[in-house]
PDB file of all heavy atoms in Angstrom:
ATOM      1  N   ARG A   1       0.836  -1.200   0.000  1.00  0.00           N
ATOM      2  CA  ARG A   1       0.000   0.000   0.000  1.00  0.00           C
ATOM      3  C   ARG A   1       0.874   1.254   0.000  1.00  0.00           C
ATOM      4  O   ARG A   1       1.881   1.322   0.698  1.00  0.00           O
ATOM      5  CB  ARG A   1      -0.919   0.017   1.226  1.00  0.00           C
ATOM      6  CG  ARG A   1      -1.886  -1.141   1.294  1.00  0.00           C
ATOM      7  CD  ARG A   1      -2.880  -0.989   2.435  1.00  0.00           C
ATOM      8  NE  ARG A   1      -2.226  -0.917   3.738  1.00  0.00           N
ATOM      9  CZ  ARG A   1      -2.882  -0.936   4.900  1.00  0.00           C
ATOM     10  NH1 ARG A   1      -4.200  -1.010   4.905  1.00  0.00           N
ATOM     11  NH2 ARG A   1      -2.223  -0.876   6.048  1.00  0.00           N
ATOM     12  N   ASP A   2       0.456   2.249  -0.763  1.00  0.00           N
ATOM     13  CA  ASP A   2       1.203   3.507  -0.816  1.00  0.00           C
ATOM     14  C   ASP A   2       1.270   4.181   0.551  1.00  0.00           C
ATOM     15  O   ASP A   2       2.194   4.956   0.814  1.00  0.00           O
ATOM     16  CB  ASP A   2       0.565   4.472  -1.825  1.00  0.00           C
ATOM     17  CG  ASP A   2       0.713   3.988  -3.252  1.00  0.00           C
ATOM     18  OD1 ASP A   2       1.625   3.175  -3.498  1.00  0.00           O
ATOM     19  OD2 ASP A   2      -0.077   4.416  -4.108  1.00  0.00           O
ATOM     20  N   THR A   3       0.295   3.903   1.391  1.00  0.00           N
ATOM     21  CA  THR A   3       0.230   4.561   2.705  1.00  0.00           C
ATOM     22  C   THR A   3       0.955   3.784   3.802  1.00  0.00           C
ATOM     23  O   THR A   3       1.006   4.230   4.945  1.00  0.00           O
ATOM     24  CB  THR A   3      -1.236   4.753   3.117  1.00  0.00           C
ATOM     25  OG1 THR A   3      -1.904   3.476   3.072  1.00  0.00           O
ATOM     26  CG2 THR A   3      -1.931   5.742   2.196  1.00  0.00           C
ATOM     27  N   SER A   4       1.506   2.594   3.465  1.00  0.00           N
ATOM     28  CA  SER A   4       2.222   1.813   4.490  1.00  0.00           C
ATOM     29  C   SER A   4       3.383   1.055   3.855  1.00  0.00           C
ATOM     30  O   SER A   4       3.516  -0.146   4.014  1.00  0.00           O
ATOM     31  CB  SER A   4       1.269   0.846   5.200  1.00  0.00           C
ATOM     32  OG  SER A   4       0.628  -0.030   4.284  1.00  0.00           O
ATOM     33  N   LEU A   5       4.221   1.804   3.148  1.00  0.00           N
ATOM     34  CA  LEU A   5       5.366   1.195   2.472  1.00  0.00           C
ATOM     35  C   LEU A   5       6.434   0.731   3.453  1.00  0.00           C
ATOM     36  O   LEU A   5       7.262  -0.122   3.122  1.00  0.00           O
ATOM     37  CB  LEU A   5       5.979   2.190   1.477  1.00  0.00           C
ATOM     38  CG  LEU A   5       5.082   2.591   0.293  1.00  0.00           C
ATOM     39  CD1 LEU A   5       5.719   3.733  -0.490  1.00  0.00           C
ATOM     40  CD2 LEU A   5       4.825   1.391  -0.609  1.00  0.00           C
ATOM     41  N   ASP A   6       6.418   1.302   4.655  1.00  0.00           N
ATOM     42  CA  ASP A   6       7.384   0.952   5.687  1.00  0.00           C
ATOM     43  C   ASP A   6       6.728   1.168   7.046  1.00  0.00           C
ATOM     44  O   ASP A   6       5.619   1.713   7.120  1.00  0.00           O
ATOM     45  CB  ASP A   6       8.666   1.785   5.548  1.00  0.00           C
ATOM     46  CG  ASP A   6       8.390   3.273   5.494  1.00  0.00           C
ATOM     47  OD1 ASP A   6       7.539   3.758   6.271  1.00  0.00           O
ATOM     48  OD2 ASP A   6       9.012   3.979   4.686  1.00  0.00           O
ATOM     49  N   PRO A   7       7.363   0.754   8.149  1.00  0.00           N
ATOM     50  CA  PRO A   7       6.740   0.891   9.471  1.00  0.00           C
ATOM     51  C   PRO A   7       6.383   2.327   9.842  1.00  0.00           C
ATOM     52  O   PRO A   7       5.334   2.564  10.455  1.00  0.00           O
ATOM     53  CB  PRO A   7       7.798   0.313  10.411  1.00  0.00           C
ATOM     54  CG  PRO A   7       8.537  -0.679   9.583  1.00  0.00           C
ATOM     55  CD  PRO A   7       8.592  -0.067   8.215  1.00  0.00           C
ATOM     56  N   LEU A   8       7.229   3.280   9.500  1.00  0.00           N
ATOM     57  CA  LEU A   8       6.935   4.671   9.845  1.00  0.00           C
ATOM     58  C   LEU A   8       5.657   5.153   9.173  1.00  0.00           C
ATOM     59  O   LEU A   8       4.782   5.736   9.828  1.00  0.00           O
ATOM     60  CB  LEU A   8       8.104   5.577   9.436  1.00  0.00           C
ATOM     61  CG  LEU A   8       7.861   7.091   9.574  1.00  0.00           C
ATOM     62  CD1 LEU A   8       7.491   7.461  11.001  1.00  0.00           C
ATOM     63  CD2 LEU A   8       9.085   7.874   9.094  1.00  0.00           C
ATOM     64  N   SER A   9       5.514   4.904   7.875  1.00  0.00           N
ATOM     65  CA  SER A   9       4.306   5.346   7.177  1.00  0.00           C
ATOM     66  C   SER A   9       3.077   4.590   7.672  1.00  0.00           C
ATOM     67  O   SER A   9       1.981   5.152   7.720  1.00  0.00           O
ATOM     68  CB  SER A   9       4.465   5.183   5.660  1.00  0.00           C
ATOM     69  OG  SER A   9       4.696   3.828   5.304  1.00  0.00           O
ATOM     70  N   TYR A  10       3.274   3.331   8.063  1.00  0.00           N
ATOM     71  CA  TYR A  10       2.145   2.580   8.623  1.00  0.00           C
ATOM     72  C   TYR A  10       1.685   3.218   9.928  1.00  0.00           C
ATOM     73  O   TYR A  10       0.480   3.360  10.172  1.00  0.00           O
ATOM     74  CB  TYR A  10       2.531   1.122   8.854  1.00  0.00           C
ATOM     75  CG  TYR A  10       1.421   0.290   9.452  1.00  0.00           C
ATOM     76  CD1 TYR A  10       0.265   0.025   8.736  1.00  0.00           C
ATOM     77  CD2 TYR A  10       1.515  -0.202  10.757  1.00  0.00           C
ATOM     78  CE1 TYR A  10      -0.773  -0.721   9.284  1.00  0.00           C
ATOM     79  CE2 TYR A  10       0.490  -0.954  11.311  1.00  0.00           C
ATOM     80  CZ  TYR A  10      -0.653  -1.204  10.573  1.00  0.00           C
ATOM     81  OH  TYR A  10      -1.682  -1.926  11.129  1.00  0.00           O
ATOM     82  N   MET A  11       2.631   3.604  10.773  1.00  0.00           N
ATOM     83  CA  MET A  11       2.267   4.236  12.036  1.00  0.00           C
ATOM     84  C   MET A  11       1.582   5.578  11.804  1.00  0.00           C
ATOM     85  O   MET A  11       0.513   5.857  12.364  1.00  0.00           O
ATOM     86  CB  MET A  11       3.509   4.429  12.912  1.00  0.00           C
ATOM     87  CG  MET A  11       3.204   5.018  14.288  1.00  0.00           C
ATOM     88  SD  MET A  11       4.692   5.477  15.223  1.00  0.00           S
ATOM     89  CE  MET A  11       5.141   7.013  14.395  1.00  0.00           C
ATOM     90  N   ILE A  12       2.189   6.421  10.958  1.00  0.00           N
ATOM     91  CA  ILE A  12       1.673   7.773  10.747  1.00  0.00           C
ATOM     92  C   ILE A  12       0.313   7.755  10.060  1.00  0.00           C
ATOM     93  O   ILE A  12      -0.618   8.456  10.466  1.00  0.00           O
ATOM     94  CB  ILE A  12       2.673   8.612   9.911  1.00  0.00           C
ATOM     95  CG1 ILE A  12       3.988   8.806  10.683  1.00  0.00           C
ATOM     96  CG2 ILE A  12       2.060   9.960   9.541  1.00  0.00           C
ATOM     97  CD1 ILE A  12       3.854   9.601  11.959  1.00  0.00           C
ATOM     98  N   ASN A  13       0.174   6.942   9.023  1.00  0.00           N
ATOM     99  CA  ASN A  13      -1.036   6.973   8.186  1.00  0.00           C
ATOM    100  C   ASN A  13      -2.146   6.052   8.653  1.00  0.00           C
ATOM    101  O   ASN A  13      -3.296   6.202   8.215  1.00  0.00           O
ATOM    102  CB  ASN A  13      -0.670   6.627   6.740  1.00  0.00           C
ATOM    103  CG  ASN A  13       0.271   7.632   6.122  1.00  0.00           C
ATOM    104  OD1 ASN A  13       0.163   8.832   6.372  1.00  0.00           O
ATOM    105  ND2 ASN A  13       1.212   7.159   5.314  1.00  0.00           N
ATOM    106  N   HIS A  14      -1.825   5.097   9.519  1.00  0.00           N
ATOM    107  CA  HIS A  14      -2.837   4.129   9.918  1.00  0.00           C
ATOM    108  C   HIS A  14      -2.990   4.037  11.441  1.00  0.00           C
ATOM    109  O   HIS A  14      -4.005   4.448  11.996  1.00  0.00           O
ATOM    110  CB  HIS A  14      -2.511   2.756   9.326  1.00  0.00           C
ATOM    111  CG  HIS A  14      -2.628   2.707   7.838  1.00  0.00           C
ATOM    112  ND1 HIS A  14      -3.796   2.369   7.181  1.00  0.00           N
ATOM    113  CD2 HIS A  14      -1.728   2.979   6.867  1.00  0.00           C
ATOM    114  CE1 HIS A  14      -3.618   2.434   5.879  1.00  0.00           C
ATOM    115  NE2 HIS A  14      -2.367   2.800   5.657  1.00  0.00           N
ATOM    116  N   LEU A  15      -1.968   3.497  12.106  1.00  0.00           N
ATOM    117  CA  LEU A  15      -2.118   3.203  13.532  1.00  0.00           C
ATOM    118  C   LEU A  15      -2.414   4.433  14.383  1.00  0.00           C
ATOM    119  O   LEU A  15      -3.206   4.364  15.321  1.00  0.00           O
ATOM    120  CB  LEU A  15      -0.863   2.511  14.061  1.00  0.00           C
ATOM    121  CG  LEU A  15      -0.787   0.987  13.929  1.00  0.00           C
ATOM    122  CD1 LEU A  15       0.440   0.471  14.661  1.00  0.00           C
ATOM    123  CD2 LEU A  15      -2.043   0.308  14.457  1.00  0.00           C
ATOM    124  N   ASN A  16      -1.767   5.547  14.092  1.00  0.00           N
ATOM    125  CA  ASN A  16      -1.952   6.727  14.933  1.00  0.00           C
ATOM    126  C   ASN A  16      -3.402   7.199  14.995  1.00  0.00           C
ATOM    127  O   ASN A  16      -3.831   7.778  15.995  1.00  0.00           O
ATOM    128  CB  ASN A  16      -1.055   7.881  14.454  1.00  0.00           C
ATOM    129  CG  ASN A  16       0.330   7.829  15.068  1.00  0.00           C
ATOM    130  OD1 ASN A  16       0.624   6.954  15.881  1.00  0.00           O
ATOM    131  ND2 ASN A  16       1.186   8.758  14.690  1.00  0.00           N
ATOM    132  N   SER A  17      -4.157   6.971  13.937  1.00  0.00           N
ATOM    133  CA  SER A  17      -5.542   7.439  13.916  1.00  0.00           C
ATOM    134  C   SER A  17      -6.545   6.372  14.350  1.00  0.00           C
ATOM    135  O   SER A  17      -7.742   6.655  14.472  1.00  0.00           O
ATOM    136  CB  SER A  17      -5.903   7.953  12.521  1.00  0.00           C
ATOM    137  OG  SER A  17      -5.701   6.944  11.549  1.00  0.00           O
ATOM    138  N   VAL A  18      -6.070   5.136  14.592  1.00  0.00           N
ATOM    139  CA  VAL A  18      -6.976   4.084  15.073  1.00  0.00           C
ATOM    140  C   VAL A  18      -7.421   4.421  16.499  1.00  0.00           C
ATOM    141  O   VAL A  18      -6.598   4.704  17.363  1.00  0.00           O
ATOM    142  CB  VAL A  18      -6.289   2.703  15.046  1.00  0.00           C
ATOM    143  CG1 VAL A  18      -7.135   1.668  15.791  1.00  0.00           C
ATOM    144  CG2 VAL A  18      -6.051   2.261  13.616  1.00  0.00           C
ATOM    145  N   GLY A  19      -8.715   4.404  16.714  1.00  0.00           N
ATOM    146  CA  GLY A  19      -9.268   4.814  17.993  1.00  0.00           C
ATOM    147  C   GLY A  19      -9.747   6.250  17.976  1.00  0.00           C
ATOM    148  O   GLY A  19     -10.539   6.658  18.814  1.00  0.00           O
ATOM    149  N   ASP A  20      -9.263   7.020  16.988  1.00  0.00           N
ATOM    150  CA  ASP A  20      -9.650   8.425  16.874  1.00  0.00           C
ATOM    151  C   ASP A  20     -10.539   8.634  15.653  1.00  0.00           C
ATOM    152  O   ASP A  20     -11.746   8.807  15.775  1.00  0.00           O
ATOM    153  CB  ASP A  20      -8.393   9.289  16.789  1.00  0.00           C
ATOM    154  CG  ASP A  20      -8.703  10.777  16.689  1.00  0.00           C
ATOM    155  OD1 ASP A  20      -9.824  11.165  17.057  1.00  0.00           O
ATOM    156  OD2 ASP A  20      -7.829  11.545  16.260  1.00  0.00           O
ATOM    157  N   LYS A  21      -9.938   8.569  14.463  1.00  0.00           N
ATOM    158  CA  LYS A  21     -10.684   8.853  13.239  1.00  0.00           C
ATOM    159  C   LYS A  21     -11.036   7.609  12.437  1.00  0.00           C
ATOM    160  O   LYS A  21     -11.818   7.684  11.496  1.00  0.00           O
ATOM    161  CB  LYS A  21      -9.880   9.806  12.351  1.00  0.00           C
ATOM    162  CG  LYS A  21      -9.608  11.153  13.000  1.00  0.00           C
ATOM    163  CD  LYS A  21      -8.744  12.028  12.107  1.00  0.00           C
ATOM    164  CE  LYS A  21      -8.460  13.373  12.764  1.00  0.00           C
ATOM    165  NZ  LYS A  21      -7.581  14.230  11.933  1.00  0.00           N
ATOM    166  N   ARG A  22     -10.452   6.469  12.784  1.00  0.00           N
ATOM    167  CA  ARG A  22     -10.685   5.268  11.985  1.00  0.00           C
ATOM    168  C   ARG A  22     -10.489   4.035  12.835  1.00  0.00           C
ATOM    169  O   ARG A  22      -9.928   4.080  13.925  1.00  0.00           O
ATOM    170  CB  ARG A  22      -9.728   5.231  10.781  1.00  0.00           C
ATOM    171  CG  ARG A  22      -8.259   5.191  11.176  1.00  0.00           C
ATOM    172  CD  ARG A  22      -7.333   5.249   9.969  1.00  0.00           C
ATOM    173  NE  ARG A  22      -7.497   4.125   9.092  1.00  0.00           N
ATOM    174  CZ  ARG A  22      -6.897   2.948   9.271  1.00  0.00           C
ATOM    175  NH1 ARG A  22      -6.103   2.744  10.311  1.00  0.00           N
ATOM    176  NH2 ARG A  22      -7.084   1.975   8.426  1.00  0.00           N
ATOM    177  N   GLY A  23     -10.982   2.905  12.300  1.00  0.00           N
ATOM    178  CA  GLY A  23     -10.749   1.615  12.925  1.00  0.00           C
ATOM    179  C   GLY A  23      -9.688   0.856  12.141  1.00  0.00           C
ATOM    180  O   GLY A  23      -8.822   1.456  11.507  1.00  0.00           O
ATOM    181  N   LEU A  24      -9.771  -0.473  12.167  1.00  0.00           N
ATOM    182  CA  LEU A  24      -8.796  -1.303  11.464  1.00  0.00           C
ATOM    183  C   LEU A  24      -9.313  -1.691  10.083  1.00  0.00           C
ATOM    184  O   LEU A  24     -10.504  -1.951   9.903  1.00  0.00           O
ATOM    185  CB  LEU A  24      -8.500  -2.567  12.261  1.00  0.00           C
ATOM    186  CG  LEU A  24      -7.843  -2.384  13.638  1.00  0.00           C
ATOM    187  CD1 LEU A  24      -7.562  -3.746  14.270  1.00  0.00           C
ATOM    188  CD2 LEU A  24      -6.561  -1.586  13.541  1.00  0.00           C
ATOM    189  N   ASP A  25      -8.398  -1.749   9.105  1.00  0.00           N
ATOM    190  CA  ASP A  25      -8.728  -2.236   7.770  1.00  0.00           C
ATOM    191  C   ASP A  25      -8.704  -3.766   7.758  1.00  0.00           C
ATOM    192  O   ASP A  25      -8.312  -4.404   8.735  1.00  0.00           O
ATOM    193  CB  ASP A  25      -7.720  -1.701   6.744  1.00  0.00           C
ATOM    194  CG  ASP A  25      -7.791  -0.192   6.610  1.00  0.00           C
ATOM    195  OD1 ASP A  25      -8.878   0.372   6.828  1.00  0.00           O
ATOM    196  OD2 ASP A  25      -6.753   0.420   6.273  1.00  0.00           O
ATOM    197  N   GLN A  26      -9.105  -4.355   6.620  1.00  0.00           N
ATOM    198  CA  GLN A  26      -9.143  -5.806   6.511  1.00  0.00           C
ATOM    199  C   GLN A  26      -7.761  -6.428   6.718  1.00  0.00           C
ATOM    200  O   GLN A  26      -7.610  -7.401   7.445  1.00  0.00           O
ATOM    201  CB  GLN A  26      -9.693  -6.215   5.135  1.00  0.00           C
ATOM    202  CG  GLN A  26     -11.117  -5.732   4.864  1.00  0.00           C
ATOM    203  CD  GLN A  26     -12.132  -6.316   5.809  1.00  0.00           C
ATOM    204  OE1 GLN A  26     -12.238  -7.524   5.933  1.00  0.00           O
ATOM    205  NE2 GLN A  26     -12.880  -5.464   6.496  1.00  0.00           N
ATOM    206  N   VAL A  27      -6.721  -5.848   6.110  1.00  0.00           N
ATOM    207  CA  VAL A  27      -5.378  -6.417   6.268  1.00  0.00           C
ATOM    208  C   VAL A  27      -4.890  -6.263   7.706  1.00  0.00           C
ATOM    209  O   VAL A  27      -4.096  -7.071   8.198  1.00  0.00           O
ATOM    210  CB  VAL A  27      -4.386  -5.767   5.267  1.00  0.00           C
ATOM    211  CG1 VAL A  27      -4.117  -4.310   5.620  1.00  0.00           C
ATOM    212  CG2 VAL A  27      -3.082  -6.554   5.210  1.00  0.00           C
ATOM    213  N   ASP A  28      -5.384  -5.237   8.392  1.00  0.00           N
ATOM    214  CA  ASP A  28      -5.006  -5.046   9.797  1.00  0.00           C
ATOM    215  C   ASP A  28      -5.518  -6.172  10.682  1.00  0.00           C
ATOM    216  O   ASP A  28      -4.935  -6.462  11.732  1.00  0.00           O
ATOM    217  CB  ASP A  28      -5.553  -3.717  10.323  1.00  0.00           C
ATOM    218  CG  ASP A  28      -4.956  -2.516   9.608  1.00  0.00           C
ATOM    219  OD1 ASP A  28      -3.779  -2.595   9.229  1.00  0.00           O
ATOM    220  OD2 ASP A  28      -5.669  -1.518   9.436  1.00  0.00           O
ATOM    221  N   LEU A  29      -6.617  -6.799  10.267  1.00  0.00           N
ATOM    222  CA  LEU A  29      -7.159  -7.909  11.059  1.00  0.00           C
ATOM    223  C   LEU A  29      -6.214  -9.107  11.045  1.00  0.00           C
ATOM    224  O   LEU A  29      -6.092  -9.827  12.035  1.00  0.00           O
ATOM    225  CB  LEU A  29      -8.545  -8.303  10.533  1.00  0.00           C
ATOM    226  CG  LEU A  29      -9.654  -7.276  10.754  1.00  0.00           C
ATOM    227  CD1 LEU A  29     -10.965  -7.757  10.131  1.00  0.00           C
ATOM    228  CD2 LEU A  29      -9.862  -6.996  12.233  1.00  0.00           C
ATOM    229  N   PHE A  30      -5.547  -9.327   9.904  1.00  0.00           N
ATOM    230  CA  PHE A  30      -4.510 -10.362   9.868  1.00  0.00           C
ATOM    231  C   PHE A  30      -3.406 -10.037  10.865  1.00  0.00           C
ATOM    232  O   PHE A  30      -2.952 -10.900  11.627  1.00  0.00           O
ATOM    233  CB  PHE A  30      -3.901 -10.461   8.459  1.00  0.00           C
ATOM    234  CG  PHE A  30      -4.722 -11.213   7.462  1.00  0.00           C
ATOM    235  CD1 PHE A  30      -5.476 -10.545   6.519  1.00  0.00           C
ATOM    236  CD2 PHE A  30      -4.715 -12.607   7.454  1.00  0.00           C
ATOM    237  CE1 PHE A  30      -6.227 -11.249   5.588  1.00  0.00           C
ATOM    238  CE2 PHE A  30      -5.451 -13.322   6.529  1.00  0.00           C
ATOM    239  CZ  PHE A  30      -6.214 -12.636   5.589  1.00  0.00           C
ATOM    240  N   LEU A  31      -2.975  -8.780  10.854  1.00  0.00           N
ATOM    241  CA  LEU A  31      -1.902  -8.343  11.744  1.00  0.00           C
ATOM    242  C   LEU A  31      -2.328  -8.436  13.202  1.00  0.00           C
ATOM    243  O   LEU A  31      -1.537  -8.864  14.058  1.00  0.00           O
ATOM    244  CB  LEU A  31      -1.498  -6.906  11.396  1.00  0.00           C
ATOM    245  CG  LEU A  31      -0.474  -6.245  12.308  1.00  0.00           C
ATOM    246  CD1 LEU A  31       0.839  -7.030  12.340  1.00  0.00           C
ATOM    247  CD2 LEU A  31      -0.227  -4.798  11.861  1.00  0.00           C
ATOM    248  N   LEU A  32      -3.558  -8.078  13.499  1.00  0.00           N
ATOM    249  CA  LEU A  32      -4.061  -8.147  14.877  1.00  0.00           C
ATOM    250  C   LEU A  32      -4.047  -9.580  15.385  1.00  0.00           C
ATOM    251  O   LEU A  32      -3.557  -9.862  16.494  1.00  0.00           O
ATOM    252  CB  LEU A  32      -5.474  -7.570  14.936  1.00  0.00           C
ATOM    253  CG  LEU A  32      -6.186  -7.643  16.290  1.00  0.00           C
ATOM    254  CD1 LEU A  32      -5.429  -6.856  17.361  1.00  0.00           C
ATOM    255  CD2 LEU A  32      -7.627  -7.130  16.152  1.00  0.00           C
ATOM    256  N   GLY A  33      -4.584 -10.506  14.593  1.00  0.00           N
ATOM    257  CA  GLY A  33      -4.592 -11.907  14.994  1.00  0.00           C
ATOM    258  C   GLY A  33      -3.197 -12.468  15.139  1.00  0.00           C
ATOM    259  O   GLY A  33      -2.898 -13.214  16.075  1.00  0.00           O
ATOM    260  N   TYR A  34      -2.307 -12.092  14.218  1.00  0.00           N
ATOM    261  CA  TYR A  34      -0.917 -12.551  14.256  1.00  0.00           C
ATOM    262  C   TYR A  34      -0.212 -12.038  15.509  1.00  0.00           C
ATOM    263  O   TYR A  34       0.542 -12.768  16.160  1.00  0.00           O
ATOM    264  CB  TYR A  34      -0.198 -12.064  12.996  1.00  0.00           C
ATOM    265  CG  TYR A  34       1.265 -12.425  12.913  1.00  0.00           C
ATOM    266  CD1 TYR A  34       1.670 -13.698  12.512  1.00  0.00           C
ATOM    267  CD2 TYR A  34       2.253 -11.490  13.216  1.00  0.00           C
ATOM    268  CE1 TYR A  34       3.019 -14.034  12.429  1.00  0.00           C
ATOM    269  CE2 TYR A  34       3.599 -11.803  13.131  1.00  0.00           C
ATOM    270  CZ  TYR A  34       3.980 -13.083  12.738  1.00  0.00           C
ATOM    271  OH  TYR A  34       5.312 -13.408  12.661  1.00  0.00           O
ATOM    272  N   SER A  35      -0.466 -10.790  15.880  1.00  0.00           N
ATOM    273  CA  SER A  35       0.197 -10.182  17.029  1.00  0.00           C
ATOM    274  C   SER A  35      -0.252 -10.808  18.344  1.00  0.00           C
ATOM    275  O   SER A  35       0.545 -10.994  19.267  1.00  0.00           O
ATOM    276  CB  SER A  35      -0.078  -8.674  17.059  1.00  0.00           C
ATOM    277  OG  SER A  35       0.396  -8.048  15.880  1.00  0.00           O
ATOM    278  N   LEU A  36      -1.544 -11.147  18.434  1.00  0.00           N
ATOM    279  CA  LEU A  36      -2.090 -11.705  19.669  1.00  0.00           C
ATOM    280  C   LEU A  36      -2.185 -13.231  19.636  1.00  0.00           C
ATOM    281  O   LEU A  36      -2.611 -13.848  20.609  1.00  0.00           O
ATOM    282  CB  LEU A  36      -3.484 -11.109  19.932  1.00  0.00           C
ATOM    283  CG  LEU A  36      -3.540  -9.575  20.030  1.00  0.00           C
ATOM    284  CD1 LEU A  36      -4.964  -9.113  20.305  1.00  0.00           C
ATOM    285  CD2 LEU A  36      -2.588  -9.054  21.097  1.00  0.00           C
ATOM    286  N   GLU A  37      -1.808 -13.818  18.501  1.00  0.00           N
ATOM    287  CA  GLU A  37      -1.830 -15.267  18.289  1.00  0.00           C
ATOM    288  C   GLU A  37      -3.217 -15.865  18.523  1.00  0.00           C
ATOM    289  O   GLU A  37      -3.412 -16.789  19.307  1.00  0.00           O
ATOM    290  CB  GLU A  37      -0.769 -15.961  19.153  1.00  0.00           C
ATOM    291  CG  GLU A  37       0.644 -15.588  18.758  1.00  0.00           C
ATOM    292  CD  GLU A  37       1.709 -16.544  19.277  1.00  0.00           C
ATOM    293  OE1 GLU A  37       1.365 -17.480  20.020  1.00  0.00           O
ATOM    294  OE2 GLU A  37       2.890 -16.330  18.924  1.00  0.00           O
ATOM    295  N   VAL A  38      -4.187 -15.293  17.800  1.00  0.00           N
ATOM    296  CA  VAL A  38      -5.547 -15.840  17.777  1.00  0.00           C
ATOM    297  C   VAL A  38      -6.031 -15.864  16.331  1.00  0.00           C
ATOM    298  O   VAL A  38      -5.605 -15.054  15.499  1.00  0.00           O
ATOM    299  CB  VAL A  38      -6.536 -15.019  18.632  1.00  0.00           C
ATOM    300  CG1 VAL A  38      -6.233 -15.163  20.111  1.00  0.00           C
ATOM    301  CG2 VAL A  38      -6.559 -13.557  18.221  1.00  0.00           C
ATOM    302  N   LYS A  39      -6.897 -16.820  16.029  1.00  0.00           N
ATOM    303  CA  LYS A  39      -7.550 -16.865  14.727  1.00  0.00           C
ATOM    304  C   LYS A  39      -8.778 -15.957  14.784  1.00  0.00           C
ATOM    305  O   LYS A  39      -9.627 -16.115  15.658  1.00  0.00           O
ATOM    306  CB  LYS A  39      -7.985 -18.295  14.388  1.00  0.00           C
ATOM    307  CG  LYS A  39      -6.849 -19.268  14.212  1.00  0.00           C
ATOM    308  CD  LYS A  39      -7.337 -20.615  13.719  1.00  0.00           C
ATOM    309  CE  LYS A  39      -8.170 -21.322  14.767  1.00  0.00           C
ATOM    310  NZ  LYS A  39      -8.593 -22.674  14.315  1.00  0.00           N
ATOM    311  N   ILE A  40      -8.872 -15.030  13.847  1.00  0.00           N
ATOM    312  CA  ILE A  40     -10.013 -14.115  13.795  1.00  0.00           C
ATOM    313  C   ILE A  40     -10.921 -14.514  12.637  1.00  0.00           C
ATOM    314  O   ILE A  40     -10.498 -14.539  11.487  1.00  0.00           O
ATOM    315  CB  ILE A  40      -9.558 -12.660  13.639  1.00  0.00           C
ATOM    316  CG1 ILE A  40      -8.727 -12.226  14.854  1.00  0.00           C
ATOM    317  CG2 ILE A  40     -10.765 -11.733  13.475  1.00  0.00           C
ATOM    318  CD1 ILE A  40      -8.212 -10.797  14.764  1.00  0.00           C
ATOM    319  N   VAL A  41     -12.145 -14.858  12.974  1.00  0.00           N
ATOM    320  CA  VAL A  41     -13.163 -15.198  11.973  1.00  0.00           C
ATOM    321  C   VAL A  41     -14.228 -14.106  12.009  1.00  0.00           C
ATOM    322  O   VAL A  41     -14.709 -13.735  13.085  1.00  0.00           O
ATOM    323  CB  VAL A  41     -13.804 -16.566  12.271  1.00  0.00           C
ATOM    324  CG1 VAL A  41     -14.981 -16.819  11.336  1.00  0.00           C
ATOM    325  CG2 VAL A  41     -12.767 -17.670  12.134  1.00  0.00           C
ATOM    326  N   VAL A  42     -14.582 -13.574  10.856  1.00  0.00           N
ATOM    327  CA  VAL A  42     -15.567 -12.498  10.782  1.00  0.00           C
ATOM    328  C   VAL A  42     -16.723 -12.897   9.878  1.00  0.00           C
ATOM    329  O   VAL A  42     -16.511 -13.296   8.723  1.00  0.00           O
ATOM    330  CB  VAL A  42     -14.935 -11.190  10.255  1.00  0.00           C
ATOM    331  CG1 VAL A  42     -15.985 -10.078  10.218  1.00  0.00           C
ATOM    332  CG2 VAL A  42     -13.757 -10.766  11.122  1.00  0.00           C
ATOM    333  N   TYR A  43     -17.935 -12.801  10.409  1.00  0.00           N
ATOM    334  CA  TYR A  43     -19.142 -12.992   9.603  1.00  0.00           C
ATOM    335  C   TYR A  43     -19.547 -11.615   9.068  1.00  0.00           C
ATOM    336  O   TYR A  43     -19.974 -10.741   9.820  1.00  0.00           O
ATOM    337  CB  TYR A  43     -20.261 -13.603  10.442  1.00  0.00           C
ATOM    338  CG  TYR A  43     -19.945 -14.999  10.920  1.00  0.00           C
ATOM    339  CD1 TYR A  43     -19.510 -15.228  12.230  1.00  0.00           C
ATOM    340  CD2 TYR A  43     -20.075 -16.089  10.067  1.00  0.00           C
ATOM    341  CE1 TYR A  43     -19.210 -16.511  12.660  1.00  0.00           C
ATOM    342  CE2 TYR A  43     -19.780 -17.375  10.495  1.00  0.00           C
ATOM    343  CZ  TYR A  43     -19.348 -17.575  11.799  1.00  0.00           C
ATOM    344  OH  TYR A  43     -19.050 -18.848  12.227  1.00  0.00           O
ATOM    345  N   ARG A  44     -19.389 -11.429   7.755  1.00  0.00           N
ATOM    346  CA  ARG A  44     -19.657 -10.138   7.107  1.00  0.00           C
ATOM    347  C   ARG A  44     -21.051 -10.218   6.471  1.00  0.00           C
ATOM    348  O   ARG A  44     -21.223 -10.701   5.359  1.00  0.00           O
ATOM    349  CB  ARG A  44     -18.578  -9.838   6.079  1.00  0.00           C
ATOM    350  CG  ARG A  44     -17.169  -9.871   6.664  1.00  0.00           C
ATOM    351  CD  ARG A  44     -16.105  -9.778   5.592  1.00  0.00           C
ATOM    352  NE  ARG A  44     -16.091  -8.468   4.963  1.00  0.00           N
ATOM    353  CZ  ARG A  44     -15.442  -8.193   3.841  1.00  0.00           C
ATOM    354  NH1 ARG A  44     -14.772  -9.156   3.202  1.00  0.00           N
ATOM    355  NH2 ARG A  44     -15.472  -6.974   3.327  1.00  0.00           N
TER     356      ARG A  44
END
């Protein structure tokens, strides 16, 4: 993604605004599950 080419841009363009102006994107759900070591299943 153009907005997360490296960790700094990921933090500035995505993580910093989570909880304020936005939530998590679909790819972020993979990262969330990977970080906490849980399988995340979503009924859309």
